[in-house]
Each structure stands twice: as C-alpha cells, then as structure tokens.
Amino acid sequence: MTTTDQDELLKVRDRYDAQMRRDAQPDTPHARVERVGGVVRRTERGLGWNGVLWSDLDEDTADAEIAAQVAYFGARGQEEGGPEFEWKLYAHDRPADLGDRLLAAGFVPEAPETLLVARTEDLASLPVEPPEGVTLRVVTDEAGVDLMMEVHRRAFGTERPRIRQQLLSLLREEPDTIEAVVAMAGDAPVSAARMEMRPGSAFAGLWGGGTDPQWRGRGLYRLLVAHRARVAAARGIPYLQVDASDDSRPILERLGFAVLGVTTPYLWTGGA
C-alpha cells in the first residue's frame, strides 16, 4: 500500500469506519459500547476511557446531539467522579464544521494525530534485528506491565494509571486480544509498545510505542513494529493501524504506512 493508492485507501478507510467506529465492539472486558441517536459512544467505570467514537450528523442534528452527550456524560460523571469525556473527531466526519460546533459547546481540542494504516504482511517481513545486548520480553504479568510503565515514564514523562489498569485487565481476562512487549537492555527496560486485536476485526491497533531518550535512534521503534506485525500476521489480521503523533509519523511512513486521515481528540471537562 502506498500513498498513491487513493481508491484502495478510501475503501480501507470505509472499512475502518465501519469496524472500528460505527460497529465498534468493547475493547476491554468491562467497557460498554452503544449506539444512541446519531452517535456511538464508549463508557467504562473507574479509570476507563469514555467518549464518542463515531457520529452520523448533519447541520440540523449536530448541536442537539452534542448537547445530549454533554448532558449524558455530565450526569454520569456525578456518579463516577467526574464528567470528563472525549469526542474523537475525524477530519472526514460531517458536518464539515463539527469541530467548530464542539468548540462552541465548550470542548477543548488536543493535538491532532494522523491515522495511518499498513498491510500486516508487508511489515511482518521487515528485516530487523535487536541492537547488540537487547532482547524482547513479551508481557504476560504485572511485573511486565510495571516494566512498560517505567519505559512510559522515561519516554513521555507521565504516569499512566489508566493504561496500567487496562493492560492488567486484558492480560487477566482477555489475553488473546493483547500483545505487549518490552525491549530489555540487560535488566533495564528501554522501549515498550502494545497491540490490541479485537475478535473479527481486520485491524490490529498499535499503541503506546515509547523509547527511553538515551536509546532513541537505534531502531527499537522499528523493531517493536515488526514484532507486532509478525504476531498479527500469524493471526491473519490484514491491517495495522496507528494514531500517530508528529514524532512517530515520519518513522511509520518510512516503514510503509499510508495516511487514512487526521483525528483530533476534543475533550470535555465540565464546560467552558
């Protein structure tokens, strides 16, 4: 797949919208996904992610649906400890001014990400080897998750309790849907990433790729992409999908990923 295969990319985007958004399935054991009115929303108690995955709106229905979701999550937040939720907006969503309408309703946009996709079989055959002294450890338990969290602290400078909870839940209750891996330099975790694979989906999602700053530029990111691609290929999953930051997009495009679009998280934290 290349960036010039526009007809194919549009077909893949339609398939992505259908499987991963409009007809999305719960991606953790305790998540709930439901279509209500013109939106599909995901909710989960505790630290889980809450938000709108997909919408089917126009100029006449958008404002009322936005208000309905604000009311729903606001009421829910009184029970769950906060009203925060995300409207995951894609550039091809309608109406064309949906982002402006979300802004007017009090949402705050975060940094846009590029939706990238690649054929699994292409990346599974990448000729990559670990740097000298580095081994890969597949995460299967809490100790492995804690190694991943240590990498995230070094790579991103943040704590990620929601991701930790999600990983532990998946490893415990749905281990076949997750592939998490840590690159180890001796006893030190230096890079980590995960892949989520929902039953029946044509897309495996690559998430959380991060590398200790002292180990960047040595091919670890590429190594972890290739490892996950081989796992997905063995499962017969045809596509890999990434919501890429500006830092990771150039690396992924060099590996063969193509752009499907741009997605922007619009965050509601209680009103403007």
C-alpha atoms as a PDB file:
ATOM      1  CA  MET A   1       0.000   0.000   0.000  1.00  0.00           C
ATOM      2  CA  THR A   2       1.342   3.439  -0.903  1.00  0.00           C
ATOM      3  CA  THR A   3       0.051   6.955  -0.544  1.00  0.00           C
ATOM      4  CA  THR A   4      -0.862   6.944  -4.262  1.00  0.00           C
ATOM      5  CA  ASP A   5      -3.391   4.107  -3.908  1.00  0.00           C
ATOM      6  CA  GLN A   6      -6.198   6.562  -3.229  1.00  0.00           C
ATOM      7  CA  ASP A   7      -9.072   4.314  -4.280  1.00  0.00           C
ATOM      8  CA  GLU A   8      -7.798   1.496  -2.078  1.00  0.00           C
ATOM      9  CA  LEU A   9      -7.178   3.871   0.821  1.00  0.00           C
ATOM     10  CA  LEU A  10     -10.751   5.153   0.663  1.00  0.00           C
ATOM     11  CA  LYS A  11     -12.057   1.590   0.739  1.00  0.00           C
ATOM     12  CA  VAL A  12      -9.817   0.784   3.709  1.00  0.00           C
ATOM     13  CA  ARG A  13     -10.989   3.956   5.469  1.00  0.00           C
ATOM     14  CA  ASP A  14     -14.626   2.964   4.946  1.00  0.00           C
ATOM     15  CA  ARG A  15     -13.848  -0.467   6.380  1.00  0.00           C
ATOM     16  CA  TYR A  16     -12.083   1.115   9.334  1.00  0.00           C
ATOM     17  CA  ASP A  17     -15.014   3.462   9.998  1.00  0.00           C
ATOM     18  CA  ALA A  18     -17.437   0.547   9.883  1.00  0.00           C
ATOM     19  CA  GLN A  19     -15.500  -1.920  12.056  1.00  0.00           C
ATOM     20  CA  MET A  20     -13.637   0.291  14.491  1.00  0.00           C
ATOM     21  CA  ARG A  21     -16.131   3.110  14.916  1.00  0.00           C
ATOM     22  CA  ARG A  22     -19.731   2.594  13.747  1.00  0.00           C
ATOM     23  CA  ASP A  23     -19.901  -1.104  14.680  1.00  0.00           C
ATOM     24  CA  ALA A  24     -17.196  -0.979  17.345  1.00  0.00           C
ATOM     25  CA  GLN A  25     -17.038  -3.786  19.864  1.00  0.00           C
ATOM     26  CA  PRO A  26     -15.973  -3.354  23.515  1.00  0.00           C
ATOM     27  CA  ASP A  27     -12.183  -3.304  23.650  1.00  0.00           C
ATOM     28  CA  THR A  28     -11.813  -4.250  27.314  1.00  0.00           C
ATOM     29  CA  PRO A  29     -13.740  -6.740  29.455  1.00  0.00           C
ATOM     30  CA  HIS A  30     -15.666  -4.014  31.287  1.00  0.00           C
ATOM     31  CA  ALA A  31     -16.273  -1.498  28.515  1.00  0.00           C
ATOM     32  CA  ARG A  32     -19.715  -0.763  27.087  1.00  0.00           C
ATOM     33  CA  VAL A  33     -20.262   0.398  23.504  1.00  0.00           C
ATOM     34  CA  GLU A  34     -23.700   1.555  22.419  1.00  0.00           C
ATOM     35  CA  ARG A  35     -25.317   3.423  19.557  1.00  0.00           C
ATOM     36  CA  VAL A  36     -27.662   6.119  20.811  1.00  0.00           C
ATOM     37  CA  GLY A  37     -29.286   8.520  18.392  1.00  0.00           C
ATOM     38  CA  GLY A  38     -26.635   9.699  15.964  1.00  0.00           C
ATOM     39  CA  VAL A  39     -23.557   8.611  17.907  1.00  0.00           C
ATOM     40  CA  VAL A  40     -21.680   5.530  19.048  1.00  0.00           C
ATOM     41  CA  ARG A  41     -20.175   6.019  22.495  1.00  0.00           C
ATOM     42  CA  ARG A  42     -17.917   4.008  24.770  1.00  0.00           C
ATOM     43  CA  THR A  43     -18.106   4.042  28.548  1.00  0.00           C
ATOM     44  CA  GLU A  44     -16.226   2.283  31.306  1.00  0.00           C
ATOM     45  CA  ARG A  45     -16.218   2.700  35.052  1.00  0.00           C
ATOM     46  CA  GLY A  46     -13.181   3.715  37.051  1.00  0.00           C
ATOM     47  CA  LEU A  47     -10.170   4.878  35.051  1.00  0.00           C
ATOM     48  CA  GLY A  48     -11.531   3.683  31.700  1.00  0.00           C
ATOM     49  CA  TRP A  49     -11.745   5.893  28.605  1.00  0.00           C
ATOM     50  CA  ASN A  50     -15.138   7.479  27.933  1.00  0.00           C
ATOM     51  CA  GLY A  51     -16.169   9.158  24.728  1.00  0.00           C
ATOM     52  CA  VAL A  52     -17.772   9.322  21.318  1.00  0.00           C
ATOM     53  CA  LEU A  53     -16.256   7.005  18.696  1.00  0.00           C
ATOM     54  CA  TRP A  54     -18.454   7.773  15.684  1.00  0.00           C
ATOM     55  CA  SER A  55     -21.292  10.042  14.648  1.00  0.00           C
ATOM     56  CA  ASP A  56     -23.800  10.359  11.827  1.00  0.00           C
ATOM     57  CA  LEU A  57     -24.810  14.011  11.984  1.00  0.00           C
ATOM     58  CA  ASP A  58     -25.664  16.951   9.767  1.00  0.00           C
ATOM     59  CA  GLU A  59     -26.129  20.692  10.160  1.00  0.00           C
ATOM     60  CA  ASP A  60     -29.623  20.211  11.584  1.00  0.00           C
ATOM     61  CA  THR A  61     -28.837  17.493  14.142  1.00  0.00           C
ATOM     62  CA  ALA A  62     -25.257  18.167  15.301  1.00  0.00           C
ATOM     63  CA  ASP A  63     -25.839  20.770  18.021  1.00  0.00           C
ATOM     64  CA  ALA A  64     -28.667  18.829  19.655  1.00  0.00           C
ATOM     65  CA  GLU A  65     -26.591  15.618  19.671  1.00  0.00           C
ATOM     66  CA  ILE A  66     -23.590  17.402  21.158  1.00  0.00           C
ATOM     67  CA  ALA A  67     -25.835  18.786  23.905  1.00  0.00           C
ATOM     68  CA  ALA A  68     -27.312  15.333  24.516  1.00  0.00           C
ATOM     69  CA  GLN A  69     -23.870  13.767  25.005  1.00  0.00           C
ATOM     70  CA  VAL A  70     -22.747  16.576  27.296  1.00  0.00           C
ATOM     71  CA  ALA A  71     -25.873  16.021  29.384  1.00  0.00           C
ATOM     72  CA  TYR A  72     -25.384  12.254  29.445  1.00  0.00           C
ATOM     73  CA  PHE A  73     -21.733  12.286  30.444  1.00  0.00           C
ATOM     74  CA  GLY A  74     -22.301  15.151  32.853  1.00  0.00           C
ATOM     75  CA  ALA A  75     -24.987  13.188  34.699  1.00  0.00           C
ATOM     76  CA  ARG A  76     -22.872  10.051  34.587  1.00  0.00           C
ATOM     77  CA  GLY A  77     -19.892  11.958  35.933  1.00  0.00           C
ATOM     78  CA  GLN A  78     -21.768  12.849  39.092  1.00  0.00           C
ATOM     79  CA  GLU A  79     -21.790   9.149  39.901  1.00  0.00           C
ATOM     80  CA  GLU A  80     -18.351   8.257  38.504  1.00  0.00           C
ATOM     81  CA  GLY A  81     -16.303  11.104  39.968  1.00  0.00           C
ATOM     82  CA  GLY A  82     -16.070  13.494  37.022  1.00  0.00           C
ATOM     83  CA  PRO A  83     -17.742  14.373  33.710  1.00  0.00           C
ATOM     84  CA  GLU A  84     -14.643  14.222  31.506  1.00  0.00           C
ATOM     85  CA  PHE A  85     -15.089  12.559  28.116  1.00  0.00           C
ATOM     86  CA  GLU A  86     -13.640  12.772  24.633  1.00  0.00           C
ATOM     87  CA  TRP A  87     -15.268  13.293  21.250  1.00  0.00           C
ATOM     88  CA  LYS A  88     -12.895  11.612  18.804  1.00  0.00           C
ATOM     89  CA  LEU A  89     -13.350  13.687  15.662  1.00  0.00           C
ATOM     90  CA  TYR A  90     -12.034  12.587  12.272  1.00  0.00           C
ATOM     91  CA  ALA A  91     -11.379  15.129   9.516  1.00  0.00           C
ATOM     92  CA  HIS A  92     -13.866  13.447   7.158  1.00  0.00           C
ATOM     93  CA  ASP A  93     -16.693  13.450   9.720  1.00  0.00           C
ATOM     94  CA  ARG A  94     -19.792  15.502   8.973  1.00  0.00           C
ATOM     95  CA  PRO A  95     -20.943  18.172   9.166  1.00  0.00           C
ATOM     96  CA  ALA A  96     -17.746  19.857   7.996  1.00  0.00           C
ATOM     97  CA  ASP A  97     -17.886  22.356  10.864  1.00  0.00           C
ATOM     98  CA  LEU A  98     -18.359  19.744  13.592  1.00  0.00           C
ATOM     99  CA  GLY A  99     -15.089  20.782  15.224  1.00  0.00           C
ATOM    100  CA  ASP A 100     -16.255  24.398  15.446  1.00  0.00           C
ATOM    101  CA  ARG A 101     -19.537  23.252  16.982  1.00  0.00           C
ATOM    102  CA  LEU A 102     -17.662  21.225  19.593  1.00  0.00           C
ATOM    103  CA  LEU A 103     -15.546  24.267  20.415  1.00  0.00           C
ATOM    104  CA  ALA A 104     -18.645  26.409  20.790  1.00  0.00           C
ATOM    105  CA  ALA A 105     -20.080  23.813  23.187  1.00  0.00           C
ATOM    106  CA  GLY A 106     -17.048  24.039  25.472  1.00  0.00           C
ATOM    107  CA  PHE A 107     -14.832  21.220  24.215  1.00  0.00           C
ATOM    108  CA  VAL A 108     -11.067  21.727  24.111  1.00  0.00           C
ATOM    109  CA  PRO A 109      -9.087  20.223  21.200  1.00  0.00           C
ATOM    110  CA  GLU A 110      -5.902  18.342  21.931  1.00  0.00           C
ATOM    111  CA  ALA A 111      -3.054  17.753  19.473  1.00  0.00           C
ATOM    112  CA  PRO A 112      -4.220  16.148  16.206  1.00  0.00           C
ATOM    113  CA  GLU A 113      -2.946  12.703  15.311  1.00  0.00           C
ATOM    114  CA  THR A 114      -2.558  11.102  11.900  1.00  0.00           C
ATOM    115  CA  LEU A 115      -4.472   7.890  11.251  1.00  0.00           C
ATOM    116  CA  LEU A 116      -2.052   5.553   9.467  1.00  0.00           C
ATOM    117  CA  VAL A 117      -2.540   2.064   8.077  1.00  0.00           C
ATOM    118  CA  ALA A 118      -0.295  -0.598   6.547  1.00  0.00           C
ATOM    119  CA  ARG A 119      -0.641  -4.149   5.280  1.00  0.00           C
ATOM    120  CA  THR A 120       0.400  -6.530   8.006  1.00  0.00           C
ATOM    121  CA  GLU A 121       2.193  -8.892   5.633  1.00  0.00           C
ATOM    122  CA  ASP A 122       4.426  -6.076   4.387  1.00  0.00           C
ATOM    123  CA  LEU A 123       5.643  -5.123   7.849  1.00  0.00           C
ATOM    124  CA  ALA A 124       5.926  -8.711   9.067  1.00  0.00           C
ATOM    125  CA  SER A 125       8.732  -9.240   6.577  1.00  0.00           C
ATOM    126  CA  LEU A 126      10.817  -6.246   7.669  1.00  0.00           C
ATOM    127  CA  PRO A 127      14.468  -7.305   8.082  1.00  0.00           C
ATOM    128  CA  VAL A 128      15.161  -6.040  11.602  1.00  0.00           C
ATOM    129  CA  GLU A 129      17.315  -7.390  14.409  1.00  0.00           C
ATOM    130  CA  PRO A 130      17.663  -6.132  18.005  1.00  0.00           C
ATOM    131  CA  PRO A 131      20.693  -3.966  18.779  1.00  0.00           C
ATOM    132  CA  GLU A 132      23.501  -5.822  20.491  1.00  0.00           C
ATOM    133  CA  GLY A 133      22.617  -6.617  24.098  1.00  0.00           C
ATOM    134  CA  VAL A 134      18.871  -6.028  23.637  1.00  0.00           C
ATOM    135  CA  THR A 135      16.246  -8.759  23.979  1.00  0.00           C
ATOM    136  CA  LEU A 136      12.461  -8.686  23.676  1.00  0.00           C
ATOM    137  CA  ARG A 137      10.262  -9.691  26.594  1.00  0.00           C
ATOM    138  CA  VAL A 138       6.599 -10.429  25.949  1.00  0.00           C
ATOM    139  CA  VAL A 139       4.483  -9.043  28.788  1.00  0.00           C
ATOM    140  CA  THR A 140       2.273 -11.635  30.488  1.00  0.00           C
ATOM    141  CA  ASP A 141       2.012 -10.452  34.105  1.00  0.00           C
ATOM    142  CA  GLU A 142       2.011  -7.473  36.452  1.00  0.00           C
ATOM    143  CA  ALA A 143       5.798  -7.374  36.634  1.00  0.00           C
ATOM    144  CA  GLY A 144       5.957  -6.974  32.863  1.00  0.00           C
ATOM    145  CA  VAL A 145       3.307  -4.244  32.930  1.00  0.00           C
ATOM    146  CA  ASP A 146       5.355  -2.357  35.509  1.00  0.00           C
ATOM    147  CA  LEU A 147       8.370  -2.536  33.177  1.00  0.00           C
ATOM    148  CA  MET A 148       6.222  -0.967  30.448  1.00  0.00           C
ATOM    149  CA  MET A 149       5.111   1.792  32.801  1.00  0.00           C
ATOM    150  CA  GLU A 150       8.737   2.523  33.649  1.00  0.00           C
ATOM    151  CA  VAL A 151       9.501   2.956  29.948  1.00  0.00           C
ATOM    152  CA  HIS A 152       6.492   5.281  29.586  1.00  0.00           C
ATOM    153  CA  ARG A 153       7.713   7.411  32.484  1.00  0.00           C
ATOM    154  CA  ARG A 154      11.099   7.796  30.855  1.00  0.00           C
ATOM    155  CA  ALA A 155       9.776   8.288  27.321  1.00  0.00           C
ATOM    156  CA  PHE A 156       6.797  10.564  27.979  1.00  0.00           C
ATOM    157  CA  GLY A 157       7.440  11.967  31.439  1.00  0.00           C
ATOM    158  CA  THR A 158       3.979  10.987  32.682  1.00  0.00           C
ATOM    159  CA  GLU A 159       2.267   8.401  34.815  1.00  0.00           C
ATOM    160  CA  ARG A 160      -0.394   6.357  33.009  1.00  0.00           C
ATOM    161  CA  PRO A 161      -2.607   4.619  35.567  1.00  0.00           C
ATOM    162  CA  ARG A 162      -5.443   4.116  33.081  1.00  0.00           C
ATOM    163  CA  ILE A 163      -3.169   2.243  30.668  1.00  0.00           C
ATOM    164  CA  ARG A 164      -1.779   0.141  33.513  1.00  0.00           C
ATOM    165  CA  GLN A 165      -5.283  -0.826  34.620  1.00  0.00           C
ATOM    166  CA  GLN A 166      -6.323  -1.613  31.044  1.00  0.00           C
ATOM    167  CA  LEU A 167      -3.303  -3.840  30.433  1.00  0.00           C
ATOM    168  CA  LEU A 168      -3.757  -5.773  33.654  1.00  0.00           C
ATOM    169  CA  SER A 169      -7.442  -6.298  32.907  1.00  0.00           C
ATOM    170  CA  LEU A 170      -6.777  -7.557  29.382  1.00  0.00           C
ATOM    171  CA  LEU A 171      -3.937  -9.854  30.418  1.00  0.00           C
ATOM    172  CA  ARG A 172      -6.090 -11.328  33.146  1.00  0.00           C
ATOM    173  CA  GLU A 173      -9.422 -11.658  31.328  1.00  0.00           C
ATOM    174  CA  GLU A 174      -8.776 -11.474  27.556  1.00  0.00           C
ATOM    175  CA  PRO A 175      -5.077 -12.292  26.979  1.00  0.00           C
ATOM    176  CA  ASP A 176      -5.609 -13.263  23.342  1.00  0.00           C
ATOM    177  CA  THR A 177      -6.581  -9.681  22.483  1.00  0.00           C
ATOM    178  CA  ILE A 178      -3.333  -8.028  23.573  1.00  0.00           C
ATOM    179  CA  GLU A 179       0.347  -8.303  22.631  1.00  0.00           C
ATOM    180  CA  ALA A 180       2.550  -6.206  24.885  1.00  0.00           C
ATOM    181  CA  VAL A 181       6.317  -6.248  24.586  1.00  0.00           C
ATOM    182  CA  VAL A 182       9.316  -4.644  26.276  1.00  0.00           C
ATOM    183  CA  ALA A 183      12.823  -4.262  24.868  1.00  0.00           C
ATOM    184  CA  MET A 184      15.322  -5.021  27.611  1.00  0.00           C
ATOM    185  CA  ALA A 185      18.941  -3.908  27.734  1.00  0.00           C
ATOM    186  CA  GLY A 186      20.116  -6.380  30.339  1.00  0.00           C
ATOM    187  CA  ASP A 187      17.799  -5.795  33.296  1.00  0.00           C
ATOM    188  CA  ALA A 188      16.751  -2.312  32.150  1.00  0.00           C
ATOM    189  CA  PRO A 189      13.541  -1.703  30.149  1.00  0.00           C
ATOM    190  CA  VAL A 190      14.370   0.717  27.318  1.00  0.00           C
ATOM    191  CA  SER A 191      11.423   0.538  24.895  1.00  0.00           C
ATOM    192  CA  ALA A 192       7.867  -0.773  25.038  1.00  0.00           C
ATOM    193  CA  ALA A 193       4.685  -0.999  22.996  1.00  0.00           C
ATOM    194  CA  ARG A 194       1.430  -2.906  22.739  1.00  0.00           C
ATOM    195  CA  MET A 195      -1.021  -4.126  20.109  1.00  0.00           C
ATOM    196  CA  GLU A 196      -4.760  -4.596  20.547  1.00  0.00           C
ATOM    197  CA  MET A 197      -6.589  -7.218  18.458  1.00  0.00           C
ATOM    198  CA  ARG A 198     -10.362  -7.444  18.673  1.00  0.00           C
ATOM    199  CA  PRO A 199     -12.009 -10.676  17.522  1.00  0.00           C
ATOM    200  CA  GLY A 200     -13.274 -10.466  13.946  1.00  0.00           C
ATOM    201  CA  SER A 201     -11.607  -7.142  13.176  1.00  0.00           C
ATOM    202  CA  ALA A 202      -9.455  -6.567  10.094  1.00  0.00           C
ATOM    203  CA  PHE A 203      -7.372  -4.015  12.030  1.00  0.00           C
ATOM    204  CA  ALA A 204      -4.841  -4.504  14.802  1.00  0.00           C
ATOM    205  CA  GLY A 205      -4.125  -1.280  16.671  1.00  0.00           C
ATOM    206  CA  LEU A 206      -0.563  -0.318  17.562  1.00  0.00           C
ATOM    207  CA  TRP A 207      -0.373   1.757  20.745  1.00  0.00           C
ATOM    208  CA  GLY A 208       1.996   3.169  23.297  1.00  0.00           C
ATOM    209  CA  GLY A 209       5.267   2.906  21.420  1.00  0.00           C
ATOM    210  CA  GLY A 210       7.883   4.700  23.506  1.00  0.00           C
ATOM    211  CA  THR A 211      11.658   4.562  23.954  1.00  0.00           C
ATOM    212  CA  ASP A 212      13.952   5.798  26.693  1.00  0.00           C
ATOM    213  CA  PRO A 213      15.545   9.004  25.285  1.00  0.00           C
ATOM    214  CA  GLN A 214      19.023   7.525  25.762  1.00  0.00           C
ATOM    215  CA  TRP A 215      18.114   4.638  23.452  1.00  0.00           C
ATOM    216  CA  ARG A 216      16.436   6.515  20.620  1.00  0.00           C
ATOM    217  CA  GLY A 217      17.844   6.309  17.119  1.00  0.00           C
ATOM    218  CA  ARG A 218      18.907   2.661  17.444  1.00  0.00           C
ATOM    219  CA  GLY A 219      15.983   1.031  15.646  1.00  0.00           C
ATOM    220  CA  LEU A 220      13.963  -0.061  18.678  1.00  0.00           C
ATOM    221  CA  TYR A 221      10.717   1.535  17.490  1.00  0.00           C
ATOM    222  CA  ARG A 222      11.065  -0.242  14.147  1.00  0.00           C
ATOM    223  CA  LEU A 223      11.883  -3.493  15.948  1.00  0.00           C
ATOM    224  CA  LEU A 224       8.702  -3.366  18.029  1.00  0.00           C
ATOM    225  CA  VAL A 225       6.555  -2.552  14.977  1.00  0.00           C
ATOM    226  CA  ALA A 226       7.981  -5.580  13.136  1.00  0.00           C
ATOM    227  CA  HIS A 227       7.466  -7.855  16.159  1.00  0.00           C
ATOM    228  CA  ARG A 228       3.817  -6.896  16.477  1.00  0.00           C
ATOM    229  CA  ALA A 229       3.281  -7.197  12.722  1.00  0.00           C
ATOM    230  CA  ARG A 230       4.507 -10.794  12.826  1.00  0.00           C
ATOM    231  CA  VAL A 231       2.095 -11.592  15.642  1.00  0.00           C
ATOM    232  CA  ALA A 232      -0.804 -10.002  13.720  1.00  0.00           C
ATOM    233  CA  ALA A 233       0.175 -11.814  10.514  1.00  0.00           C
ATOM    234  CA  ALA A 234       0.123 -15.134  12.364  1.00  0.00           C
ATOM    235  CA  ARG A 235      -3.452 -14.301  13.440  1.00  0.00           C
ATOM    236  CA  GLY A 236      -4.495 -13.499   9.851  1.00  0.00           C
ATOM    237  CA  ILE A 237      -5.187  -9.810  10.584  1.00  0.00           C
ATOM    238  CA  PRO A 238      -4.690  -7.916   7.292  1.00  0.00           C
ATOM    239  CA  TYR A 239      -4.048  -4.347   8.520  1.00  0.00           C
ATOM    240  CA  LEU A 240      -2.137  -2.485  11.201  1.00  0.00           C
ATOM    241  CA  GLN A 241      -3.493   0.862  12.370  1.00  0.00           C
ATOM    242  CA  VAL A 242      -1.815   3.684  14.311  1.00  0.00           C
ATOM    243  CA  ASP A 243      -2.939   7.064  15.635  1.00  0.00           C
ATOM    244  CA  ALA A 244       0.456   8.656  15.084  1.00  0.00           C
ATOM    245  CA  SER A 245       1.986  11.703  16.716  1.00  0.00           C
ATOM    246  CA  ASP A 246       4.100  14.109  14.687  1.00  0.00           C
ATOM    247  CA  ASP A 247       7.202  12.387  16.092  1.00  0.00           C
ATOM    248  CA  SER A 248       6.256   8.845  15.073  1.00  0.00           C
ATOM    249  CA  ARG A 249       4.517   9.613  11.762  1.00  0.00           C
ATOM    250  CA  PRO A 250       7.751  10.019   9.693  1.00  0.00           C
ATOM    251  CA  ILE A 251       9.148   6.741  11.027  1.00  0.00           C
ATOM    252  CA  LEU A 252       5.938   4.870  10.256  1.00  0.00           C
ATOM    253  CA  GLU A 253       5.648   6.328   6.762  1.00  0.00           C
ATOM    254  CA  ARG A 254       9.207   5.200   6.001  1.00  0.00           C
ATOM    255  CA  LEU A 255       8.144   1.709   7.073  1.00  0.00           C
ATOM    256  CA  GLY A 256       5.270   1.745   4.581  1.00  0.00           C
ATOM    257  CA  PHE A 257       2.293   3.165   6.464  1.00  0.00           C
ATOM    258  CA  ALA A 258      -0.115   5.339   4.469  1.00  0.00           C
ATOM    259  CA  VAL A 259      -2.342   8.165   5.678  1.00  0.00           C
ATOM    260  CA  LEU A 260      -6.063   7.482   6.076  1.00  0.00           C
ATOM    261  CA  GLY A 261      -6.852  10.829   7.684  1.00  0.00           C
ATOM    262  CA  VAL A 262      -6.431  13.022  10.732  1.00  0.00           C
ATOM    263  CA  THR A 263      -8.142  12.614  14.083  1.00  0.00           C
ATOM    264  CA  THR A 264      -8.424  15.236  16.824  1.00  0.00           C
ATOM    265  CA  PRO A 265      -9.497  14.490  20.402  1.00  0.00           C
ATOM    266  CA  TYR A 266     -11.984  17.095  21.658  1.00  0.00           C
ATOM    267  CA  LEU A 267     -12.072  16.947  25.452  1.00  0.00           C
ATOM    268  CA  TRP A 268     -14.970  17.915  27.695  1.00  0.00           C
ATOM    269  CA  THR A 269     -14.003  18.563  31.303  1.00  0.00           C
ATOM    270  CA  GLY A 270     -17.147  20.202  32.621  1.00  0.00           C
ATOM    271  CA  GLY A 271     -17.855  23.181  30.403  1.00  0.00           C
ATOM    272  CA  ALA A 272     -16.288  26.373  29.168  1.00  0.00           C
END
